[in-house]
Amino acid sequence: RYLGMNLDTAHDRFSISAPPDKLKALRKEAKQVLLAHHSNTLSVRRLARLAGKLTALMPAVPAAAFRRHSLDRCKSYALRTSGKGMYSYDVPVQLSRTALRDTQWLTRIS
């Protein structure tokens, strides 16, 4: 295990995978984002936390790169339009249909 990832260099091959505990934490965070979204209490901070965990797993989960963009777009839009400046991560945010679909996908990642 190196930098939180499983590295396998056996038999002249190299593979990298995400440990089960990291995937479980990602699924849990995605579920919390969905709950906050449905109760209209989702903040940019919580969405950024999910996007950060997803970014950290990108070397082991290549499909994560495609799922992260929609989250980042929602985060950026909320920060730009909040009127409180680009660094107020406590402003509310709504997920787009694509971000909602991608977050639902993350709850089933294995």
Protein backbone atom coordinates (compact mmCIF):
# COMPACT_ATOMS: atom_id res chain seq x y z
CA ARG A 1 0.00 0.00 0.00
CA TYR A 2 1.44 3.35 -1.04
CA LEU A 3 -0.19 6.78 -0.67
CA GLY A 4 -3.45 5.09 0.26
CA MET A 5 -3.58 2.94 -2.87
CA ASN A 6 -2.84 -0.73 -3.48
CA LEU A 7 0.05 -1.18 -5.89
CA ASP A 8 0.76 -4.53 -7.51
CA THR A 9 4.01 -4.99 -9.41
CA ALA A 10 4.04 -8.79 -9.54
CA HIS A 11 4.90 -10.67 -12.74
CA ASP A 12 6.29 -7.63 -14.60
CA ARG A 13 2.91 -5.93 -14.51
CA PHE A 14 1.80 -2.82 -12.71
CA SER A 15 -1.68 -2.22 -11.41
CA ILE A 16 -3.16 0.22 -8.97
CA SER A 17 -6.41 -0.25 -7.09
CA ALA A 18 -8.37 1.53 -4.42
CA PRO A 19 -8.59 -0.15 -1.02
CA PRO A 20 -12.09 -1.16 0.10
CA ASP A 21 -12.05 1.34 2.99
CA LYS A 22 -11.46 4.26 0.60
CA LEU A 23 -14.29 3.12 -1.67
CA LYS A 24 -16.58 2.72 1.34
CA ALA A 25 -15.75 6.27 2.50
CA LEU A 26 -16.50 7.57 -1.01
CA ARG A 27 -19.87 5.77 -1.12
CA LYS A 28 -20.75 7.12 2.33
CA GLU A 29 -19.87 10.69 1.33
CA ALA A 30 -21.90 10.36 -1.89
CA LYS A 31 -24.93 9.18 0.12
CA GLN A 32 -24.55 12.15 2.48
CA VAL A 33 -24.41 14.53 -0.49
CA LEU A 34 -27.61 13.01 -1.89
CA LEU A 35 -29.37 13.32 1.47
CA ALA A 36 -28.29 16.96 1.80
CA HIS A 37 -29.38 17.65 -1.78
CA HIS A 38 -32.85 16.20 -1.23
CA SER A 39 -33.29 18.17 2.00
CA ASN A 40 -32.00 21.39 0.35
CA THR A 41 -29.10 21.68 2.81
CA LEU A 42 -26.21 20.84 0.46
CA SER A 43 -23.28 23.25 0.82
CA VAL A 44 -20.39 23.84 -1.52
CA ARG A 45 -18.10 22.60 1.26
CA ARG A 46 -19.77 19.16 1.35
CA LEU A 47 -19.78 18.91 -2.44
CA ALA A 48 -16.09 19.90 -2.55
CA ARG A 49 -15.32 17.18 0.02
CA LEU A 50 -16.88 14.55 -2.27
CA ALA A 51 -15.06 15.93 -5.32
CA GLY A 52 -11.76 15.85 -3.41
CA LYS A 53 -12.20 12.23 -2.38
CA LEU A 54 -13.08 11.38 -5.95
CA THR A 55 -10.00 13.19 -7.27
CA ALA A 56 -7.77 11.28 -4.86
CA LEU A 57 -9.10 7.98 -6.22
CA MET A 58 -8.70 8.88 -9.90
CA PRO A 59 -5.44 6.90 -10.39
CA ALA A 60 -7.22 3.73 -9.25
CA VAL A 61 -10.66 4.47 -10.70
CA PRO A 62 -10.22 6.01 -14.17
CA ALA A 63 -13.98 6.48 -14.63
CA ALA A 64 -13.90 8.86 -11.68
CA ALA A 65 -12.49 11.60 -13.91
CA PHE A 66 -15.70 11.66 -15.95
CA ARG A 67 -17.89 11.77 -12.85
CA ARG A 68 -15.95 14.58 -11.17
CA HIS A 69 -16.53 17.25 -13.81
CA SER A 70 -20.24 17.65 -13.14
CA LEU A 71 -19.56 18.08 -9.42
CA ASP A 72 -16.89 20.69 -10.10
CA ARG A 73 -19.21 22.61 -12.45
CA CYS A 74 -21.94 22.80 -9.78
CA LYS A 75 -19.40 23.90 -7.19
CA SER A 76 -17.93 26.61 -9.44
CA TYR A 77 -21.35 27.91 -10.45
CA ALA A 78 -22.50 28.18 -6.82
CA LEU A 79 -19.33 30.05 -5.85
CA ARG A 80 -19.60 32.44 -8.81
CA THR A 81 -23.27 33.27 -8.28
CA SER A 82 -23.42 33.39 -4.49
CA GLY A 83 -22.50 37.05 -4.22
CA LYS A 84 -20.33 36.20 -1.22
CA GLY A 85 -17.05 35.79 -3.05
CA MET A 86 -15.17 32.84 -4.47
CA TYR A 87 -14.08 31.51 -1.08
CA SER A 88 -17.38 31.20 0.78
CA TYR A 89 -17.77 27.44 0.78
CA ASP A 90 -20.75 27.52 3.13
CA VAL A 91 -23.16 28.75 0.46
CA PRO A 92 -25.92 26.39 -0.70
CA VAL A 93 -25.64 24.51 -3.96
CA GLN A 94 -28.06 22.51 -6.07
CA LEU A 95 -26.92 19.51 -8.08
CA SER A 96 -27.56 19.53 -11.80
CA ARG A 97 -29.22 16.47 -13.33
CA THR A 98 -25.82 15.24 -14.47
CA ALA A 99 -24.22 15.79 -11.06
CA LEU A 100 -27.15 14.04 -9.40
CA ARG A 101 -26.74 11.05 -11.73
CA ASP A 102 -22.99 10.97 -11.15
CA THR A 103 -23.42 11.13 -7.37
CA GLN A 104 -25.91 8.26 -7.52
CA TRP A 105 -23.34 6.30 -9.54
CA LEU A 106 -20.76 6.92 -6.79
CA THR A 107 -23.04 5.30 -4.19
CA ARG A 108 -22.69 2.04 -6.14
CA ILE A 109 -18.96 2.15 -6.89
CA SER A 110 -17.04 -0.99 -5.95
